[in-house]
């Protein structure tokens, strides 16, 4: 029995000594503290360019560079200062150059024909009797012809699509010729001098090429060394020069 107890004691002593000599297991090092991750900031927004509200686009006023007018005309005249108005029919024509949409320059010409009444008692500028002894009384007829050639500015207002009112002030030259016949003899009275026309009218747009024009002018003439106050009224057609539209890159690349 002691033998077995001795063996057990020796075995127990060996176990204790081996446990005491076994190296202590090093503690597992704790993982290093993880560095706190900084919160990710959202990417800075790119600066946006805010466009200030632009000015309204102003469409330039379209206008023709050249205008040609031709039409019929009627004039109330007192070309011989005879105290009688004479109604003369004729024509009126003009060529205009527009420097801007509101300012142009016009060359105007016209001619009128008709009959004027001349008093027998004061026939000037015709001679008295004799030699001019008319057979009618108290007036006699004188065939009348008047022409004028004028130049000046024309002012237009192009605000409407169809209507274009305008005013004009023209200066130039006018001539008068009268012919009276008595007892088979003809007598002429001829004179010329300074002329002035002031007035205006309105154009009605028919299409891009044509307008209808109505106009009225005060026409002052100075013939036979006197001043005459006359009035004329004209109606006719205006022919415009049409500007061709410039082709853009968009027009070139547009499929036909």
Protein backbone atom coordinates (compact mmCIF):
# COMPACT_ATOMS: atom_id res chain seq x y z
CA UNK A 1 0.00 0.00 0.00
CA UNK A 2 2.77 2.36 0.88
CA UNK A 3 4.41 1.48 -2.35
CA UNK A 4 1.39 2.68 -4.30
CA UNK A 5 1.05 5.80 -2.21
CA UNK A 6 4.70 6.62 -2.82
CA UNK A 7 4.26 6.25 -6.57
CA UNK A 8 1.21 8.53 -6.47
CA UNK A 9 3.11 11.09 -4.43
CA UNK A 10 6.03 11.08 -6.83
CA UNK A 11 3.66 11.46 -9.77
CA UNK A 12 1.84 14.32 -8.10
CA UNK A 13 5.14 16.06 -7.33
CA UNK A 14 6.25 15.76 -10.91
CA UNK A 15 2.97 17.23 -12.15
CA UNK A 16 3.23 20.19 -9.77
CA UNK A 17 6.84 20.90 -10.73
CA UNK A 18 6.05 20.72 -14.47
CA UNK A 19 3.11 23.10 -14.05
CA UNK A 20 5.25 25.52 -12.09
CA UNK A 21 7.98 25.50 -14.73
CA UNK A 22 5.57 26.00 -17.71
CA UNK A 23 5.83 29.62 -19.00
CA UNK A 24 2.84 31.72 -18.48
CA UNK A 25 1.03 32.33 -21.70
CA UNK A 26 1.41 35.92 -22.69
CA UNK A 27 -1.90 37.68 -22.75
CA UNK A 28 -3.20 38.36 -26.15
CA UNK A 29 -2.54 42.00 -26.82
CA UNK A 30 -5.65 43.98 -27.22
CA UNK A 31 -6.09 45.34 -30.67
CA UNK A 32 -4.99 48.94 -30.93
CA UNK A 33 -7.82 51.36 -30.65
CA UNK A 34 -9.11 52.20 -34.02
CA UNK A 35 -8.78 55.85 -34.85
CA UNK A 36 -12.15 57.48 -35.05
CA UNK A 37 -12.91 58.08 -38.66
CA UNK A 38 -13.67 61.65 -39.34
CA UNK A 39 -17.13 62.12 -40.74
CA UNK A 40 -17.01 62.45 -44.42
CA UNK A 41 -18.04 65.91 -45.55
CA UNK A 42 -20.21 66.17 -48.61
CA UNK A 43 -18.35 67.53 -51.62
CA UNK A 44 -18.55 71.25 -51.85
CA UNK A 45 -21.18 72.28 -54.26
CA UNK A 46 -19.78 73.83 -57.38
CA UNK A 47 -20.60 77.47 -57.65
CA UNK A 48 -23.44 77.95 -60.05
CA UNK A 49 -23.49 80.96 -62.24
CA UNK A 50 -26.80 82.67 -61.99
CA UNK A 51 -27.52 84.68 -65.07
CA UNK A 52 -29.10 87.98 -64.39
CA UNK A 53 -32.26 88.46 -66.31
CA UNK A 54 -31.19 89.80 -69.67
CA UNK A 55 -32.55 92.89 -71.31
CA UNK A 56 -35.45 92.34 -73.66
CA UNK A 57 -34.30 91.67 -77.18
CA UNK A 58 -35.16 94.66 -79.35
CA UNK A 59 -35.97 93.74 -82.91
CA UNK A 60 -34.60 96.36 -85.29
CA UNK A 61 -37.21 98.19 -87.31
CA UNK A 62 -37.20 97.02 -90.90
CA UNK A 63 -37.38 99.67 -93.59
CA UNK A 64 -36.64 99.89 -97.33
CA UNK A 65 -33.49 101.68 -98.44
CA UNK A 66 -35.09 103.11 -101.60
CA UNK A 67 -38.69 104.04 -102.42
CA UNK A 68 -40.16 105.08 -105.75
CA UNK A 69 -43.59 106.72 -105.84
CA UNK A 70 -45.72 107.50 -108.90
CA UNK A 71 -49.35 108.50 -109.08
CA UNK A 72 -52.04 110.87 -110.17
CA UNK A 73 -52.42 114.31 -108.64
CA UNK A 74 -54.92 117.17 -108.43
CA UNK A 75 -53.98 120.79 -107.62
CA UNK A 76 -56.03 123.82 -106.65
CA UNK A 77 -53.97 126.73 -107.95
CA UNK A 78 -53.95 130.47 -108.30
CA UNK A 79 -50.91 130.68 -110.50
CA UNK A 80 -51.79 134.00 -112.16
CA UNK A 81 -53.04 135.80 -109.01
CA UNK A 82 -56.28 136.37 -110.86
CA UNK A 83 -58.56 135.80 -107.89
CA UNK A 84 -59.90 132.54 -109.33
CA UNK A 85 -58.95 129.03 -108.30
CA UNK A 86 -58.09 126.67 -111.10
CA UNK A 87 -58.34 122.90 -110.75
CA UNK A 88 -55.44 121.26 -112.55
CA UNK A 89 -54.86 117.54 -113.05
CA UNK A 90 -51.47 115.95 -113.47
CA UNK A 91 -48.96 113.53 -112.05
CA UNK A 92 -46.57 113.38 -109.13
CA UNK A 93 -43.49 111.18 -108.74
CA UNK A 94 -40.63 110.92 -106.26
CA UNK A 95 -37.55 108.89 -105.47
CA UNK A 96 -36.63 108.52 -101.80
CA UNK A 97 -33.52 107.33 -99.99
CA UNK A 98 -34.00 106.29 -96.34
CA UNK A 99 -30.95 106.98 -94.20
CA UNK A 100 -32.67 105.56 -91.08
CA UNK A 101 -36.07 104.10 -90.28
CA UNK A 102 -37.40 107.62 -89.60
CA UNK A 103 -35.35 109.94 -91.85
CA UNK A 104 -35.20 109.95 -95.62
CA UNK A 105 -34.42 112.33 -98.47
CA UNK A 106 -36.74 112.80 -101.42
CA UNK A 107 -36.42 114.09 -104.98
CA UNK A 108 -39.92 115.03 -106.12
CA UNK A 109 -41.30 116.19 -109.46
CA UNK A 110 -44.72 116.86 -110.89
CA UNK A 111 -46.64 118.52 -113.69
CA UNK A 112 -50.20 119.88 -113.93
CA UNK A 113 -52.47 120.83 -116.84
CA UNK A 114 -55.76 122.64 -117.07
CA UNK A 115 -57.52 125.95 -117.65
CA UNK A 116 -57.36 129.12 -115.54
CA UNK A 117 -59.93 131.92 -115.51
CA UNK A 118 -58.43 135.38 -116.10
CA UNK A 119 -60.52 138.54 -115.52
CA UNK A 120 -60.91 140.75 -118.60
CA UNK A 121 -60.62 143.94 -116.54
CA UNK A 122 -57.24 142.95 -115.01
CA UNK A 123 -55.70 140.39 -117.36
CA UNK A 124 -52.13 140.58 -115.98
CA UNK A 125 -49.79 138.92 -116.68
CA UNK A 126 -51.50 138.93 -120.07
CA UNK A 127 -51.71 142.20 -122.07
CA UNK A 128 -54.81 144.36 -122.08
CA UNK A 129 -57.00 145.09 -125.09
CA UNK A 130 -55.55 145.76 -127.52
CA UNK A 131 -53.81 143.54 -128.45
CA UNK A 132 -55.58 140.87 -126.32
CA UNK A 133 -59.30 141.47 -126.81
CA UNK A 134 -61.21 138.38 -125.62
CA UNK A 135 -64.76 137.85 -126.78
CA UNK A 136 -65.96 136.48 -123.41
CA UNK A 137 -66.74 138.40 -120.24
CA UNK A 138 -66.03 138.86 -117.37
CA UNK A 139 -63.22 136.25 -117.71
CA UNK A 140 -61.43 134.46 -120.48
CA UNK A 141 -59.69 131.09 -120.49
CA UNK A 142 -55.97 130.53 -120.38
CA UNK A 143 -54.53 127.08 -120.93
CA UNK A 144 -52.23 126.49 -117.99
CA UNK A 145 -49.24 124.24 -117.45
CA UNK A 146 -47.22 124.08 -114.23
CA UNK A 147 -44.19 121.97 -113.35
CA UNK A 148 -42.12 121.68 -110.18
CA UNK A 149 -38.88 120.04 -109.16
CA UNK A 150 -38.29 119.74 -105.40
CA UNK A 151 -35.88 118.17 -102.89
CA UNK A 152 -35.90 117.77 -99.12
CA UNK A 153 -36.25 115.56 -96.03
CA UNK A 154 -39.06 113.16 -95.29
CA UNK A 155 -39.88 111.97 -91.75
CA UNK A 156 -41.62 108.60 -91.26
CA UNK A 157 -43.09 106.81 -88.27
CA UNK A 158 -42.77 103.04 -88.74
CA UNK A 159 -44.57 101.72 -85.67
CA UNK A 160 -47.47 99.94 -87.35
CA UNK A 161 -47.22 96.84 -89.49
CA UNK A 162 -49.52 98.22 -92.19
CA UNK A 163 -49.65 102.03 -91.81
CA UNK A 164 -46.69 104.41 -92.19
CA UNK A 165 -47.51 108.11 -91.74
CA UNK A 166 -44.93 110.62 -92.94
CA UNK A 167 -44.28 114.35 -93.25
CA UNK A 168 -42.10 116.22 -95.73
CA UNK A 169 -40.60 119.64 -96.35
CA UNK A 170 -39.36 120.21 -99.90
CA UNK A 171 -37.69 123.16 -101.61
CA UNK A 172 -36.96 123.72 -105.27
CA UNK A 173 -38.05 125.29 -108.52
CA UNK A 174 -41.39 125.72 -110.29
CA UNK A 175 -42.42 127.10 -113.66
CA UNK A 176 -45.75 128.33 -115.05
CA UNK A 177 -46.92 128.77 -118.62
CA UNK A 178 -50.25 130.22 -119.71
CA UNK A 179 -51.69 130.62 -123.21
CA UNK A 180 -54.71 132.71 -124.13
CA UNK A 181 -56.30 132.92 -127.59
CA UNK A 182 -58.36 135.91 -128.76
CA UNK A 183 -59.52 136.68 -132.30
CA UNK A 184 -57.21 134.05 -133.70
CA UNK A 185 -54.10 135.34 -131.97
CA UNK A 186 -52.26 133.51 -129.17
CA UNK A 187 -50.65 135.24 -126.24
CA UNK A 188 -48.29 133.51 -123.80
CA UNK A 189 -47.33 134.30 -120.22
CA UNK A 190 -44.30 132.40 -118.88
CA UNK A 191 -42.51 132.65 -115.54
CA UNK A 192 -40.56 130.54 -113.05
CA UNK A 193 -39.11 130.85 -109.59
CA UNK A 194 -38.71 129.46 -106.12
CA UNK A 195 -41.11 126.75 -104.85
CA UNK A 196 -41.84 125.15 -101.49
CA UNK A 197 -43.97 122.14 -100.55
CA UNK A 198 -44.92 121.19 -97.00
CA UNK A 199 -47.26 118.39 -96.10
CA UNK A 200 -47.47 114.68 -95.57
CA UNK A 201 -49.49 111.56 -96.01
CA UNK A 202 -49.76 107.90 -95.18
CA UNK A 203 -48.65 104.64 -96.79
CA UNK A 204 -50.70 101.45 -96.56
CA UNK A 205 -48.67 98.26 -96.90
CA UNK A 206 -49.96 95.92 -99.62
CA UNK A 207 -47.00 93.52 -99.43
CA UNK A 208 -43.23 93.68 -99.01
CA UNK A 209 -42.79 95.28 -102.41
CA UNK A 210 -45.76 97.67 -102.79
CA UNK A 211 -47.54 100.35 -100.75
CA UNK A 212 -50.56 102.48 -101.49
CA UNK A 213 -49.86 106.17 -100.78
CA UNK A 214 -52.16 109.11 -100.07
CA UNK A 215 -50.59 112.56 -99.61
CA UNK A 216 -51.48 116.24 -99.48
CA UNK A 217 -49.17 119.29 -99.69
CA UNK A 218 -49.27 123.01 -99.46
CA UNK A 219 -47.43 124.17 -102.58
CA UNK A 220 -46.11 127.71 -102.69
CA UNK A 221 -44.84 129.11 -105.98
CA UNK A 222 -43.36 132.47 -106.95
CA UNK A 223 -44.18 133.31 -110.53
CA UNK A 224 -44.56 136.69 -112.23
CA UNK A 225 -42.77 138.25 -109.23
CA UNK A 226 -45.61 137.33 -106.88
CA UNK A 227 -46.38 134.58 -104.39
CA UNK A 228 -49.03 131.97 -105.13
CA UNK A 229 -50.61 129.65 -102.54
CA UNK A 230 -51.60 126.31 -104.02
CA UNK A 231 -52.65 122.89 -102.71
CA UNK A 232 -52.12 119.47 -104.23
CA UNK A 233 -53.47 115.99 -103.49
CA UNK A 234 -51.86 112.80 -104.79
CA UNK A 235 -52.57 109.07 -104.74
CA UNK A 236 -50.39 106.32 -106.18
CA UNK A 237 -48.21 103.29 -105.67
CA UNK A 238 -44.89 103.07 -103.82
CA UNK A 239 -42.35 100.47 -104.95
CA UNK A 240 -39.83 99.39 -102.32
CA UNK A 241 -36.37 97.95 -102.59
CA UNK A 242 -36.44 94.64 -100.71
CA UNK A 243 -33.42 93.58 -98.68
CA UNK A 244 -32.41 89.95 -99.04
CA UNK A 245 -32.20 88.02 -95.77
CA UNK A 246 -28.65 87.07 -94.84
CA UNK A 247 -28.16 83.30 -94.60
CA UNK A 248 -26.95 82.13 -91.19
CA UNK A 249 -25.06 78.97 -90.18
CA UNK A 250 -28.34 77.50 -88.99
CA UNK A 251 -29.84 78.04 -92.42
CA UNK A 252 -26.83 76.38 -94.06
CA UNK A 253 -27.03 73.26 -91.84
CA UNK A 254 -30.81 72.95 -91.94
CA UNK A 255 -31.88 69.95 -94.07
CA UNK A 256 -33.96 70.95 -97.03
